[in-house]
Full PDB file with SEQRES, HELIX, SHEET, SSBOND, CRYST1, ORIGX, SCALE, CONECT and MASTER records, all heavy atoms in Angstrom:
SEQRES   1 A   45  SER ALA TYR GLY GLY PRO ASP LEU TYR SER SER THR GLU          
SEQRES   2 A   45  THR PHE GLY ALA SER PHE THR LEU VAL GLY ASP ASP THR          
SEQRES   3 A   45  ASP ALA THR ILE ASN GLU THR ILE ALA ASP SER ASN ILE          
SEQRES   4 A   45  LEU ASN GLN ASP PRO LEU                                      
SHEET    1 AA1 2 PHE A  15  ALA A  17  0                                        
SHEET    2 AA1 2 ILE A  30  GLU A  32  1                                        
SHEET    1 AA2 2 LEU A  21  VAL A  22  0                                        
SHEET    2 AA2 2 ILE A  39  LEU A  40  1                                        
CRYST1    1.000    1.000    1.000  90.00  90.00  90.00 P 1           1          
ORIGX1      1.000000  0.000000  0.000000        0.00000                         
ORIGX2      0.000000  1.000000  0.000000        0.00000                         
ORIGX3      0.000000  0.000000  1.000000        0.00000                         
SCALE1      1.000000  0.000000  0.000000        0.00000                         
SCALE2      0.000000  1.000000  0.000000        0.00000                         
SCALE3      0.000000  0.000000  1.000000        0.00000                         
ATOM      1  N   SER A   1       0.824  -1.218  -0.016  1.00  0.00           N  
ATOM      2  CA  SER A   1       0.057  -0.002  -0.010  1.00  0.00           C  
ATOM      3  C   SER A   1       0.840   1.261   0.047  1.00  0.00           C  
ATOM      4  O   SER A   1       2.145   1.224   0.454  1.00  0.00           O  
ATOM      5  CB  SER A   1      -0.938   0.068   1.237  1.00  0.00           C  
ATOM      6  OG  SER A   1      -0.259   0.052   2.405  1.00  0.00           O  
ATOM      7  N   ALA A   2       0.360   2.338  -0.654  1.00  0.00           N  
ATOM      8  CA  ALA A   2       0.930   3.587  -0.753  1.00  0.00           C  
ATOM      9  C   ALA A   2      -0.038   4.626  -1.305  1.00  0.00           C  
ATOM     10  O   ALA A   2      -1.061   4.133  -1.965  1.00  0.00           O  
ATOM     11  CB  ALA A   2       2.173   3.630  -1.556  1.00  0.00           C  
ATOM     12  N   TYR A   3       0.178   5.832  -1.166  1.00  0.00           N  
ATOM     13  CA  TYR A   3      -0.621   6.869  -1.703  1.00  0.00           C  
ATOM     14  C   TYR A   3      -0.738   6.704  -3.146  1.00  0.00           C  
ATOM     15  O   TYR A   3      -1.883   6.794  -3.820  1.00  0.00           O  
ATOM     16  CB  TYR A   3      -0.158   8.244  -1.408  1.00  0.00           C  
ATOM     17  CG  TYR A   3      -0.775   9.423  -2.030  1.00  0.00           C  
ATOM     18  CD1 TYR A   3      -1.990   9.887  -1.602  1.00  0.00           C  
ATOM     19  CD2 TYR A   3      -0.170  10.065  -3.046  1.00  0.00           C  
ATOM     20  CE1 TYR A   3      -2.593  11.049  -2.314  1.00  0.00           C  
ATOM     21  CE2 TYR A   3      -0.770  11.094  -3.831  1.00  0.00           C  
ATOM     22  CZ  TYR A   3      -1.859  11.577  -3.440  1.00  0.00           C  
ATOM     23  OH  TYR A   3      -2.423  12.625  -4.172  1.00  0.00           O  
ATOM     24  N   GLY A   4       0.361   6.398  -3.815  1.00  0.00           N  
ATOM     25  CA  GLY A   4       0.333   6.171  -5.304  1.00  0.00           C  
ATOM     26  C   GLY A   4       1.124   4.933  -5.700  1.00  0.00           C  
ATOM     27  O   GLY A   4       2.091   4.728  -4.909  1.00  0.00           O  
ATOM     28  N   GLY A   5       0.667   4.140  -6.520  1.00  0.00           N  
ATOM     29  CA  GLY A   5       1.474   3.007  -7.025  1.00  0.00           C  
ATOM     30  C   GLY A   5       1.605   1.983  -5.838  1.00  0.00           C  
ATOM     31  O   GLY A   5       2.714   1.839  -5.373  1.00  0.00           O  
ATOM     32  N   PRO A   6       0.436   1.424  -5.356  1.00  0.00           N  
ATOM     33  CA  PRO A   6       0.501   0.587  -4.110  1.00  0.00           C  
ATOM     34  C   PRO A   6       1.492  -0.545  -4.356  1.00  0.00           C  
ATOM     35  O   PRO A   6       2.284  -0.837  -3.397  1.00  0.00           O  
ATOM     36  CB  PRO A   6      -0.877   0.130  -3.970  1.00  0.00           C  
ATOM     37  CG  PRO A   6      -1.672   0.333  -5.296  1.00  0.00           C  
ATOM     38  CD  PRO A   6      -0.904   1.615  -5.895  1.00  0.00           C  
ATOM     39  N   ASP A   7       1.531  -1.079  -5.551  1.00  0.00           N  
ATOM     40  CA  ASP A   7       2.521  -2.276  -5.655  1.00  0.00           C  
ATOM     41  C   ASP A   7       3.712  -1.834  -6.442  1.00  0.00           C  
ATOM     42  O   ASP A   7       4.761  -2.243  -5.945  1.00  0.00           O  
ATOM     43  CB  ASP A   7       1.729  -3.339  -6.377  1.00  0.00           C  
ATOM     44  CG  ASP A   7       0.872  -4.088  -5.475  1.00  0.00           C  
ATOM     45  OD1 ASP A   7       1.126  -4.289  -4.177  1.00  0.00           O  
ATOM     46  OD2 ASP A   7      -0.327  -4.578  -5.877  1.00  0.00           O  
ATOM     47  N   LEU A   8       3.634  -1.157  -7.469  1.00  0.00           N  
ATOM     48  CA  LEU A   8       4.691  -0.648  -8.238  1.00  0.00           C  
ATOM     49  C   LEU A   8       4.556   0.771  -8.805  1.00  0.00           C  
ATOM     50  O   LEU A   8       3.515   1.283  -8.916  1.00  0.00           O  
ATOM     51  CB  LEU A   8       4.855  -1.461  -9.627  1.00  0.00           C  
ATOM     52  CG  LEU A   8       4.990  -2.935  -9.684  1.00  0.00           C  
ATOM     53  CD1 LEU A   8       4.829  -3.433 -11.047  1.00  0.00           C  
ATOM     54  CD2 LEU A   8       6.313  -3.256  -9.086  1.00  0.00           C  
ATOM     55  N   TYR A   9       5.743   1.424  -8.569  1.00  0.00           N  
ATOM     56  CA  TYR A   9       5.820   2.884  -8.965  1.00  0.00           C  
ATOM     57  C   TYR A   9       7.025   3.252  -9.617  1.00  0.00           C  
ATOM     58  O   TYR A   9       8.205   2.994  -9.055  1.00  0.00           O  
ATOM     59  CB  TYR A   9       5.437   3.813  -7.923  1.00  0.00           C  
ATOM     60  CG  TYR A   9       5.490   5.281  -8.406  1.00  0.00           C  
ATOM     61  CD1 TYR A   9       4.354   5.878  -8.959  1.00  0.00           C  
ATOM     62  CD2 TYR A   9       6.531   6.050  -8.103  1.00  0.00           C  
ATOM     63  CE1 TYR A   9       4.422   7.111  -9.423  1.00  0.00           C  
ATOM     64  CE2 TYR A   9       6.586   7.373  -8.633  1.00  0.00           C  
ATOM     65  CZ  TYR A   9       5.426   7.849  -9.359  1.00  0.00           C  
ATOM     66  OH  TYR A   9       5.456   9.193  -9.682  1.00  0.00           O  
ATOM     67  N   SER A  10       7.030   3.964 -10.736  1.00  0.00           N  
ATOM     68  CA  SER A  10       8.159   4.698 -11.320  1.00  0.00           C  
ATOM     69  C   SER A  10       7.737   5.743 -12.202  1.00  0.00           C  
ATOM     70  O   SER A  10       6.808   5.635 -13.015  1.00  0.00           O  
ATOM     71  CB  SER A  10       9.100   3.724 -12.120  1.00  0.00           C  
ATOM     72  OG  SER A  10      10.163   4.409 -12.591  1.00  0.00           O  
ATOM     73  N   SER A  11       8.129   7.072 -11.962  1.00  0.00           N  
ATOM     74  CA  SER A  11       7.850   8.222 -12.747  1.00  0.00           C  
ATOM     75  C   SER A  11       8.667   8.246 -13.956  1.00  0.00           C  
ATOM     76  O   SER A  11       8.320   8.806 -14.939  1.00  0.00           O  
ATOM     77  CB  SER A  11       8.092   9.527 -11.989  1.00  0.00           C  
ATOM     78  OG  SER A  11       9.411   9.593 -11.626  1.00  0.00           O  
ATOM     79  N   THR A  12       9.824   7.451 -13.989  1.00  0.00           N  
ATOM     80  CA  THR A  12      10.674   7.561 -15.152  1.00  0.00           C  
ATOM     81  C   THR A  12      10.990   6.289 -16.012  1.00  0.00           C  
ATOM     82  O   THR A  12      11.335   6.335 -17.084  1.00  0.00           O  
ATOM     83  CB  THR A  12      12.057   8.106 -14.735  1.00  0.00           C  
ATOM     84  OG1 THR A  12      12.673   7.214 -13.707  1.00  0.00           O  
ATOM     85  CG2 THR A  12      11.977   9.442 -14.109  1.00  0.00           C  
ATOM     86  N   GLU A  13      10.682   5.128 -15.228  1.00  0.00           N  
ATOM     87  CA  GLU A  13      11.019   3.857 -15.963  1.00  0.00           C  
ATOM     88  C   GLU A  13       9.792   3.047 -16.259  1.00  0.00           C  
ATOM     89  O   GLU A  13       8.676   3.189 -15.655  1.00  0.00           O  
ATOM     90  CB  GLU A  13      11.946   2.984 -15.143  1.00  0.00           C  
ATOM     91  CG  GLU A  13      13.372   3.373 -15.283  1.00  0.00           C  
ATOM     92  CD  GLU A  13      13.786   4.466 -14.361  1.00  0.00           C  
ATOM     93  OE1 GLU A  13      13.001   4.868 -13.372  1.00  0.00           O  
ATOM     94  OE2 GLU A  13      14.852   5.150 -14.660  1.00  0.00           O  
ATOM     95  N   THR A  14       9.832   2.175 -17.170  1.00  0.00           N  
ATOM     96  CA  THR A  14       8.997   1.086 -17.496  1.00  0.00           C  
ATOM     97  C   THR A  14       9.415  -0.238 -16.866  1.00  0.00           C  
ATOM     98  O   THR A  14      10.511  -0.552 -16.986  1.00  0.00           O  
ATOM     99  CB  THR A  14       8.720   0.982 -18.966  1.00  0.00           C  
ATOM    100  OG1 THR A  14       8.294   2.217 -19.587  1.00  0.00           O  
ATOM    101  CG2 THR A  14       7.686  -0.202 -19.401  1.00  0.00           C  
ATOM    102  N   PHE A  15       8.478  -0.929 -16.241  1.00  0.00           N  
ATOM    103  CA  PHE A  15       8.912  -2.239 -15.634  1.00  0.00           C  
ATOM    104  C   PHE A  15       8.730  -3.228 -16.756  1.00  0.00           C  
ATOM    105  O   PHE A  15       7.684  -3.424 -17.315  1.00  0.00           O  
ATOM    106  CB  PHE A  15       7.985  -2.560 -14.477  1.00  0.00           C  
ATOM    107  CG  PHE A  15       8.187  -1.756 -13.183  1.00  0.00           C  
ATOM    108  CD1 PHE A  15       7.418  -0.587 -13.019  1.00  0.00           C  
ATOM    109  CD2 PHE A  15       9.025  -2.226 -12.370  1.00  0.00           C  
ATOM    110  CE1 PHE A  15       7.687   0.147 -11.916  1.00  0.00           C  
ATOM    111  CE2 PHE A  15       9.189  -1.367 -11.017  1.00  0.00           C  
ATOM    112  CZ  PHE A  15       8.523  -0.315 -10.886  1.00  0.00           C  
ATOM    113  N   GLY A  16       9.828  -3.879 -16.976  1.00  0.00           N  
ATOM    114  CA  GLY A  16       9.874  -5.079 -17.844  1.00  0.00           C  
ATOM    115  C   GLY A  16       9.443  -6.299 -17.130  1.00  0.00           C  
ATOM    116  O   GLY A  16       9.982  -6.443 -15.960  1.00  0.00           O  
ATOM    117  N   ALA A  17       8.520  -6.972 -17.451  1.00  0.00           N  
ATOM    118  CA  ALA A  17       8.036  -8.246 -16.682  1.00  0.00           C  
ATOM    119  C   ALA A  17       7.658  -9.355 -17.500  1.00  0.00           C  
ATOM    120  O   ALA A  17       7.127  -9.306 -18.621  1.00  0.00           O  
ATOM    121  CB  ALA A  17       6.822  -7.664 -15.826  1.00  0.00           C  
ATOM    122  N   SER A  18       8.035 -10.535 -17.028  1.00  0.00           N  
ATOM    123  CA  SER A  18       7.539 -11.688 -17.532  1.00  0.00           C  
ATOM    124  C   SER A  18       7.338 -12.723 -16.382  1.00  0.00           C  
ATOM    125  O   SER A  18       8.009 -12.751 -15.431  1.00  0.00           O  
ATOM    126  CB  SER A  18       8.520 -12.354 -18.563  1.00  0.00           C  
ATOM    127  OG  SER A  18       9.783 -12.469 -17.878  1.00  0.00           O  
ATOM    128  N   PHE A  19       6.195 -13.485 -16.688  1.00  0.00           N  
ATOM    129  CA  PHE A  19       5.723 -14.408 -15.666  1.00  0.00           C  
ATOM    130  C   PHE A  19       5.636 -13.813 -14.239  1.00  0.00           C  
ATOM    131  O   PHE A  19       6.211 -14.290 -13.244  1.00  0.00           O  
ATOM    132  CB  PHE A  19       6.609 -15.834 -15.705  1.00  0.00           C  
ATOM    133  CG  PHE A  19       6.495 -16.418 -16.960  1.00  0.00           C  
ATOM    134  CD1 PHE A  19       7.586 -16.237 -17.928  1.00  0.00           C  
ATOM    135  CD2 PHE A  19       5.493 -17.192 -17.375  1.00  0.00           C  
ATOM    136  CE1 PHE A  19       7.472 -16.923 -19.208  1.00  0.00           C  
ATOM    137  CE2 PHE A  19       5.344 -17.876 -18.528  1.00  0.00           C  
ATOM    138  CZ  PHE A  19       6.284 -17.663 -19.474  1.00  0.00           C  
ATOM    139  N   THR A  20       4.999 -12.563 -14.217  1.00  0.00           N  
ATOM    140  CA  THR A  20       4.965 -11.780 -12.988  1.00  0.00           C  
ATOM    141  C   THR A  20       3.490 -11.566 -12.573  1.00  0.00           C  
ATOM    142  O   THR A  20       2.659 -11.297 -13.544  1.00  0.00           O  
ATOM    143  CB  THR A  20       5.688 -10.708 -12.997  1.00  0.00           C  
ATOM    144  OG1 THR A  20       7.101 -10.997 -13.044  1.00  0.00           O  
ATOM    145  CG2 THR A  20       5.552  -9.694 -11.929  1.00  0.00           C  
ATOM    146  N   LEU A  21       3.063 -11.608 -11.321  1.00  0.00           N  
ATOM    147  CA  LEU A  21       1.770 -11.370 -10.828  1.00  0.00           C  
ATOM    148  C   LEU A  21       1.928  -9.981 -10.140  1.00  0.00           C  
ATOM    149  O   LEU A  21       2.573  -9.882  -9.110  1.00  0.00           O  
ATOM    150  CB  LEU A  21       1.154 -12.401 -10.098  1.00  0.00           C  
ATOM    151  CG  LEU A  21      -0.295 -12.217  -9.634  1.00  0.00           C  
ATOM    152  CD1 LEU A  21      -0.895 -13.628  -9.437  1.00  0.00           C  
ATOM    153  CD2 LEU A  21      -0.457 -11.360  -8.358  1.00  0.00           C  
ATOM    154  N   VAL A  22       1.051  -9.047 -10.535  1.00  0.00           N  
ATOM    155  CA  VAL A  22       1.059  -7.728  -9.978  1.00  0.00           C  
ATOM    156  C   VAL A  22      -0.387  -7.588  -9.457  1.00  0.00           C  
ATOM    157  O   VAL A  22      -1.324  -7.475 -10.268  1.00  0.00           O  
ATOM    158  CB  VAL A  22       1.492  -6.465 -10.863  1.00  0.00           C  
ATOM    159  CG1 VAL A  22       1.293  -5.108 -10.172  1.00  0.00           C  
ATOM    160  CG2 VAL A  22       2.980  -6.691 -11.392  1.00  0.00           C  
ATOM    161  N   GLY A  23      -0.590  -7.247  -8.174  1.00  0.00           N  
ATOM    162  CA  GLY A  23      -1.952  -7.260  -7.666  1.00  0.00           C  
ATOM    163  C   GLY A  23      -2.631  -5.860  -8.008  1.00  0.00           C  
ATOM    164  O   GLY A  23      -3.866  -5.984  -8.401  1.00  0.00           O  
ATOM    165  N   ASP A  24      -1.938  -4.837  -8.135  1.00  0.00           N  
ATOM    166  CA  ASP A  24      -2.544  -3.404  -8.570  1.00  0.00           C  
ATOM    167  C   ASP A  24      -1.371  -2.727  -9.252  1.00  0.00           C  
ATOM    168  O   ASP A  24      -0.478  -2.210  -8.915  1.00  0.00           O  
ATOM    169  CB  ASP A  24      -2.855  -2.642  -7.134  1.00  0.00           C  
ATOM    170  CG  ASP A  24      -3.657  -1.408  -7.468  1.00  0.00           C  
ATOM    171  OD1 ASP A  24      -3.577  -0.920  -8.633  1.00  0.00           O  
ATOM    172  OD2 ASP A  24      -4.198  -0.940  -6.569  1.00  0.00           O  
ATOM    173  N   ASP A  25      -1.787  -2.643 -10.655  1.00  0.00           N  
ATOM    174  CA  ASP A  25      -0.772  -1.931 -11.448  1.00  0.00           C  
ATOM    175  C   ASP A  25      -0.893  -0.529 -11.634  1.00  0.00           C  
ATOM    176  O   ASP A  25      -0.399   0.154 -12.521  1.00  0.00           O  
ATOM    177  CB  ASP A  25      -0.665  -2.675 -12.813  1.00  0.00           C  
ATOM    178  CG  ASP A  25      -1.876  -2.552 -13.671  1.00  0.00           C  
ATOM    179  OD1 ASP A  25      -2.957  -1.925 -13.236  1.00  0.00           O  
ATOM    180  OD2 ASP A  25      -1.923  -2.898 -14.813  1.00  0.00           O  
ATOM    181  N   THR A  26      -1.806   0.163 -10.804  1.00  0.00           N  
ATOM    182  CA  THR A  26      -2.078   1.553 -10.768  1.00  0.00           C  
ATOM    183  C   THR A  26      -0.701   2.411 -10.580  1.00  0.00           C  
ATOM    184  O   THR A  26       0.121   2.022  -9.838  1.00  0.00           O  
ATOM    185  CB  THR A  26      -2.968   2.033  -9.595  1.00  0.00           C  
ATOM    186  OG1 THR A  26      -4.161   1.262  -9.729  1.00  0.00           O  
ATOM    187  CG2 THR A  26      -3.245   3.470  -9.680  1.00  0.00           C  
ATOM    188  N   ASP A  27      -0.508   3.355 -11.514  1.00  0.00           N  
ATOM    189  CA  ASP A  27       0.710   4.094 -11.399  1.00  0.00           C  
ATOM    190  C   ASP A  27       1.977   3.473 -12.021  1.00  0.00           C  
ATOM    191  O   ASP A  27       3.105   3.949 -11.631  1.00  0.00           O  
ATOM    192  CB  ASP A  27       0.955   4.899 -10.176  1.00  0.00           C  
ATOM    193  CG  ASP A  27      -0.103   5.807  -9.842  1.00  0.00           C  
ATOM    194  OD1 ASP A  27      -0.718   6.469 -10.725  1.00  0.00           O  
ATOM    195  OD2 ASP A  27      -0.454   5.925  -8.567  1.00  0.00           O  
ATOM    196  N   ALA A  28       1.847   2.311 -12.665  1.00  0.00           N  
ATOM    197  CA  ALA A  28       3.089   1.550 -13.125  1.00  0.00           C  
ATOM    198  C   ALA A  28       2.909   1.389 -14.691  1.00  0.00           C  
ATOM    199  O   ALA A  28       1.760   1.027 -15.113  1.00  0.00           O  
ATOM    200  CB  ALA A  28       3.292   0.347 -12.442  1.00  0.00           C  
ATOM    201  N   THR A  29       3.896   1.510 -15.373  1.00  0.00           N  
ATOM    202  CA  THR A  29       3.899   1.143 -16.800  1.00  0.00           C  
ATOM    203  C   THR A  29       4.609  -0.256 -16.831  1.00  0.00           C  
ATOM    204  O   THR A  29       5.764  -0.265 -16.482  1.00  0.00           O  
ATOM    205  CB  THR A  29       4.556   2.213 -17.679  1.00  0.00           C  
ATOM    206  OG1 THR A  29       3.885   3.426 -17.452  1.00  0.00           O  
ATOM    207  CG2 THR A  29       4.548   1.803 -19.121  1.00  0.00           C  
ATOM    208  N   ILE A  30       4.033  -1.159 -17.397  1.00  0.00           N  
ATOM    209  CA  ILE A  30       4.523  -2.612 -17.544  1.00  0.00           C  
ATOM    210  C   ILE A  30       4.739  -2.982 -18.912  1.00  0.00           C  
ATOM    211  O   ILE A  30       3.704  -2.987 -19.750  1.00  0.00           O  
ATOM    212  CB  ILE A  30       3.722  -3.539 -16.767  1.00  0.00           C  
ATOM    213  CG1 ILE A  30       3.618  -3.167 -15.208  1.00  0.00           C  
ATOM    214  CG2 ILE A  30       4.224  -5.016 -16.938  1.00  0.00           C  
ATOM    215  CD1 ILE A  30       2.693  -3.991 -14.418  1.00  0.00           C  
ATOM    216  N   ASN A  31       5.888  -3.288 -19.310  1.00  0.00           N  
ATOM    217  CA  ASN A  31       6.147  -3.776 -20.759  1.00  0.00           C  
ATOM    218  C   ASN A  31       6.373  -5.298 -20.518  1.00  0.00           C  
ATOM    219  O   ASN A  31       7.286  -5.804 -19.912  1.00  0.00           O  
ATOM    220  CB  ASN A  31       7.498  -3.165 -21.153  1.00  0.00           C  
ATOM    221  CG  ASN A  31       7.903  -3.794 -22.544  1.00  0.00           C  
ATOM    222  OD1 ASN A  31       6.986  -4.170 -23.235  1.00  0.00           O  
ATOM    223  ND2 ASN A  31       9.130  -3.730 -22.742  1.00  0.00           N  
ATOM    224  N   GLU A  32       5.290  -5.944 -21.114  1.00  0.00           N  
ATOM    225  CA  GLU A  32       5.459  -7.499 -21.074  1.00  0.00           C  
ATOM    226  C   GLU A  32       6.379  -7.987 -22.086  1.00  0.00           C  
ATOM    227  O   GLU A  32       6.296  -7.813 -23.084  1.00  0.00           O  
ATOM    228  CB  GLU A  32       3.841  -7.993 -21.511  1.00  0.00           C  
ATOM    229  CG  GLU A  32       3.813  -9.402 -21.147  1.00  0.00           C  
ATOM    230  CD  GLU A  32       2.310  -9.843 -21.279  1.00  0.00           C  
ATOM    231  OE1 GLU A  32       1.613  -9.582 -22.256  1.00  0.00           O  
ATOM    232  OE2 GLU A  32       1.818 -10.363 -20.239  1.00  0.00           O  
ATOM    233  N   THR A  33       7.489  -8.555 -21.417  1.00  0.00           N  
ATOM    234  CA  THR A  33       8.592  -8.997 -22.266  1.00  0.00           C  
ATOM    235  C   THR A  33       8.337 -10.357 -22.823  1.00  0.00           C  
ATOM    236  O   THR A  33       9.056 -10.750 -23.752  1.00  0.00           O  
ATOM    237  CB  THR A  33       9.897  -9.000 -21.525  1.00  0.00           C  
ATOM    238  OG1 THR A  33       9.730  -9.720 -20.228  1.00  0.00           O  
ATOM    239  CG2 THR A  33      10.303  -7.562 -21.047  1.00  0.00           C  
ATOM    240  N   ILE A  34       7.539 -11.226 -22.424  1.00  0.00           N  
ATOM    241  CA  ILE A  34       6.917 -12.446 -23.069  1.00  0.00           C  
ATOM    242  C   ILE A  34       5.453 -12.232 -23.066  1.00  0.00           C  
ATOM    243  O   ILE A  34       4.816 -12.198 -21.905  1.00  0.00           O  
ATOM    244  CB  ILE A  34       7.601 -13.660 -22.158  1.00  0.00           C  
ATOM    245  CG1 ILE A  34       8.982 -13.688 -22.281  1.00  0.00           C  
ATOM    246  CG2 ILE A  34       6.860 -14.923 -22.766  1.00  0.00           C  
ATOM    247  CD1 ILE A  34       9.568 -14.895 -21.446  1.00  0.00           C  
ATOM    248  N   ALA A  35       5.036 -12.298 -24.215  1.00  0.00           N  
ATOM    249  CA  ALA A  35       3.501 -12.113 -24.469  1.00  0.00           C  
ATOM    250  C   ALA A  35       2.647 -13.119 -23.545  1.00  0.00           C  
ATOM    251  O   ALA A  35       2.880 -14.295 -23.454  1.00  0.00           O  
ATOM    252  CB  ALA A  35       3.206 -12.316 -25.933  1.00  0.00           C  
ATOM    253  N   ASP A  36       1.607 -12.363 -22.939  1.00  0.00           N  
ATOM    254  CA  ASP A  36       0.592 -13.236 -22.244  1.00  0.00           C  
ATOM    255  C   ASP A  36       1.186 -14.031 -21.056  1.00  0.00           C  
ATOM    256  O   ASP A  36       0.475 -15.005 -20.642  1.00  0.00           O  
ATOM    257  CB  ASP A  36      -0.185 -14.221 -23.212  1.00  0.00           C  
ATOM    258  CG  ASP A  36      -0.889 -13.360 -24.278  1.00  0.00           C  
ATOM    259  OD1 ASP A  36      -1.430 -12.253 -24.122  1.00  0.00           O  
ATOM    260  OD2 ASP A  36      -0.823 -13.945 -25.504  1.00  0.00           O  
ATOM    261  N   SER A  37       2.279 -13.578 -20.536  1.00  0.00           N  
ATOM    262  CA  SER A  37       2.738 -14.351 -19.389  1.00  0.00           C  
ATOM    263  C   SER A  37       2.476 -13.644 -18.024  1.00  0.00           C  
ATOM    264  O   SER A  37       2.611 -14.342 -17.010  1.00  0.00           O  
ATOM    265  CB  SER A  37       4.454 -14.393 -19.534  1.00  0.00           C  
ATOM    266  OG  SER A  37       5.000 -13.110 -19.332  1.00  0.00           O  
ATOM    267  N   ASN A  38       2.073 -12.391 -17.966  1.00  0.00           N  
ATOM    268  CA  ASN A  38       1.866 -11.724 -16.663  1.00  0.00           C  
ATOM    269  C   ASN A  38       0.415 -11.890 -16.331  1.00  0.00           C  
ATOM    270  O   ASN A  38      -0.464 -11.957 -17.155  1.00  0.00           O  
ATOM    271  CB  ASN A  38       2.253 -10.343 -16.720  1.00  0.00           C  
ATOM    272  CG  ASN A  38       3.779 -10.192 -17.083  1.00  0.00           C  
ATOM    273  OD1 ASN A  38       4.579 -10.702 -16.447  1.00  0.00           O  
ATOM    274  ND2 ASN A  38       4.202  -9.294 -17.957  1.00  0.00           N  
ATOM    275  N   ILE A  39       0.062 -11.731 -14.984  1.00  0.00           N  
ATOM    276  CA  ILE A  39      -1.179 -11.675 -14.470  1.00  0.00           C  
ATOM    277  C   ILE A  39      -1.214 -10.307 -13.651  1.00  0.00           C  
ATOM    278  O   ILE A  39      -0.472 -10.149 -12.687  1.00  0.00           O  
ATOM    279  CB  ILE A  39      -1.352 -12.917 -13.490  1.00  0.00           C  
ATOM    280  CG1 ILE A  39      -1.202 -14.255 -14.192  1.00  0.00           C  
ATOM    281  CG2 ILE A  39      -2.693 -12.794 -12.864  1.00  0.00           C  
ATOM    282  CD1 ILE A  39      -1.143 -15.388 -13.297  1.00  0.00           C  
ATOM    283  N   LEU A  40      -2.200  -9.563 -14.097  1.00  0.00           N  
ATOM    284  CA  LEU A  40      -2.298  -8.136 -13.441  1.00  0.00           C  
ATOM    285  C   LEU A  40      -3.620  -8.046 -12.841  1.00  0.00           C  
ATOM    286  O   LEU A  40      -4.683  -8.581 -13.280  1.00  0.00           O  
ATOM    287  CB  LEU A  40      -2.157  -7.102 -14.617  1.00  0.00           C  
ATOM    288  CG  LEU A  40      -0.773  -7.130 -15.473  1.00  0.00           C  
ATOM    289  CD1 LEU A  40      -0.793  -6.117 -16.536  1.00  0.00           C  
ATOM    290  CD2 LEU A  40       0.382  -7.052 -14.536  1.00  0.00           C  
ATOM    291  N   ASN A  41      -3.531  -7.302 -11.823  1.00  0.00           N  
ATOM    292  CA  ASN A  41      -4.785  -6.794 -11.067  1.00  0.00           C  
ATOM    293  C   ASN A  41      -5.577  -8.078 -10.572  1.00  0.00           C  
ATOM    294  O   ASN A  41      -6.706  -8.070 -10.596  1.00  0.00           O  
ATOM    295  CB  ASN A  41      -5.693  -5.900 -11.918  1.00  0.00           C  
ATOM    296  CG  ASN A  41      -4.817  -4.681 -12.255  1.00  0.00           C  
ATOM    297  OD1 ASN A  41      -4.367  -4.041 -11.377  1.00  0.00           O  
ATOM    298  ND2 ASN A  41      -4.818  -4.301 -13.394  1.00  0.00           N  
ATOM    299  N   GLN A  42      -4.898  -9.017  -9.977  1.00  0.00           N  
ATOM    300  CA  GLN A  42      -5.460 -10.223  -9.334  1.00  0.00           C  
ATOM    301  C   GLN A  42      -4.796 -10.550  -7.940  1.00  0.00           C  
ATOM    302  O   GLN A  42      -3.635 -10.142  -7.864  1.00  0.00           O  
ATOM    303  CB  GLN A  42      -5.326 -11.459 -10.203  1.00  0.00           C  
ATOM    304  CG  GLN A  42      -6.250 -11.482 -11.377  1.00  0.00           C  
ATOM    305  CD  GLN A  42      -6.356 -12.884 -12.024  1.00  0.00           C  
ATOM    306  OE1 GLN A  42      -6.267 -13.892 -11.327  1.00  0.00           O  
ATOM    307  NE2 GLN A  42      -6.304 -12.950 -13.421  1.00  0.00           N  
ATOM    308  N   ASP A  43      -5.546 -10.894  -7.114  1.00  0.00           N  
ATOM    309  CA  ASP A  43      -5.127 -11.259  -5.834  1.00  0.00           C  
ATOM    310  C   ASP A  43      -4.419 -12.710  -5.871  1.00  0.00           C  
ATOM    311  O   ASP A  43      -5.107 -13.630  -6.306  1.00  0.00           O  
ATOM    312  CB  ASP A  43      -6.296 -11.397  -4.798  1.00  0.00           C  
ATOM    313  CG  ASP A  43      -5.892 -11.637  -3.299  1.00  0.00           C  
ATOM    314  OD1 ASP A  43      -4.671 -12.087  -3.121  1.00  0.00           O  
ATOM    315  OD2 ASP A  43      -6.812 -11.518  -2.481  1.00  0.00           O  
ATOM    316  N   PRO A  44      -3.087 -12.739  -5.417  1.00  0.00           N  
ATOM    317  CA  PRO A  44      -2.451 -14.067  -5.470  1.00  0.00           C  
ATOM    318  C   PRO A  44      -2.854 -14.933  -4.324  1.00  0.00           C  
ATOM    319  O   PRO A  44      -2.491 -16.219  -4.262  1.00  0.00           O  
ATOM    320  CB  PRO A  44      -1.002 -13.735  -5.367  1.00  0.00           C  
ATOM    321  CG  PRO A  44      -0.903 -12.489  -4.527  1.00  0.00           C  
ATOM    322  CD  PRO A  44      -2.354 -11.726  -4.987  1.00  0.00           C  
ATOM    323  N   LEU A  45      -3.724 -14.619  -3.439  1.00  0.00           N  
ATOM    324  CA  LEU A  45      -4.274 -15.374  -2.247  1.00  0.00           C  
ATOM    325  C   LEU A  45      -3.140 -15.919  -1.437  1.00  0.00           C  
ATOM    326  O   LEU A  45      -3.093 -16.966  -0.918  1.00  0.00           O  
ATOM    327  CB  LEU A  45      -5.115 -16.501  -2.810  1.00  0.00           C  
ATOM    328  CG  LEU A  45      -6.192 -16.175  -3.800  1.00  0.00           C  
ATOM    329  CD1 LEU A  45      -6.857 -17.405  -4.386  1.00  0.00           C  
ATOM    330  CD2 LEU A  45      -7.266 -15.312  -2.975  1.00  0.00           C  
TER     331      LEU A  45                                                      
MASTER        0    0    0    0    4    0    0    6  330    1    0    4          
END                                                                             
């Protein structure tokens, strides 16, 4: 949790991600480096 970007935040960079689960991608730019490998905005339980 945070005021902005609760899980990820960068004002200058894009996050490269593959096979990654991000619960809340608000305020983050994510570049999927392997197509259809990421899970966004889901609770990992």
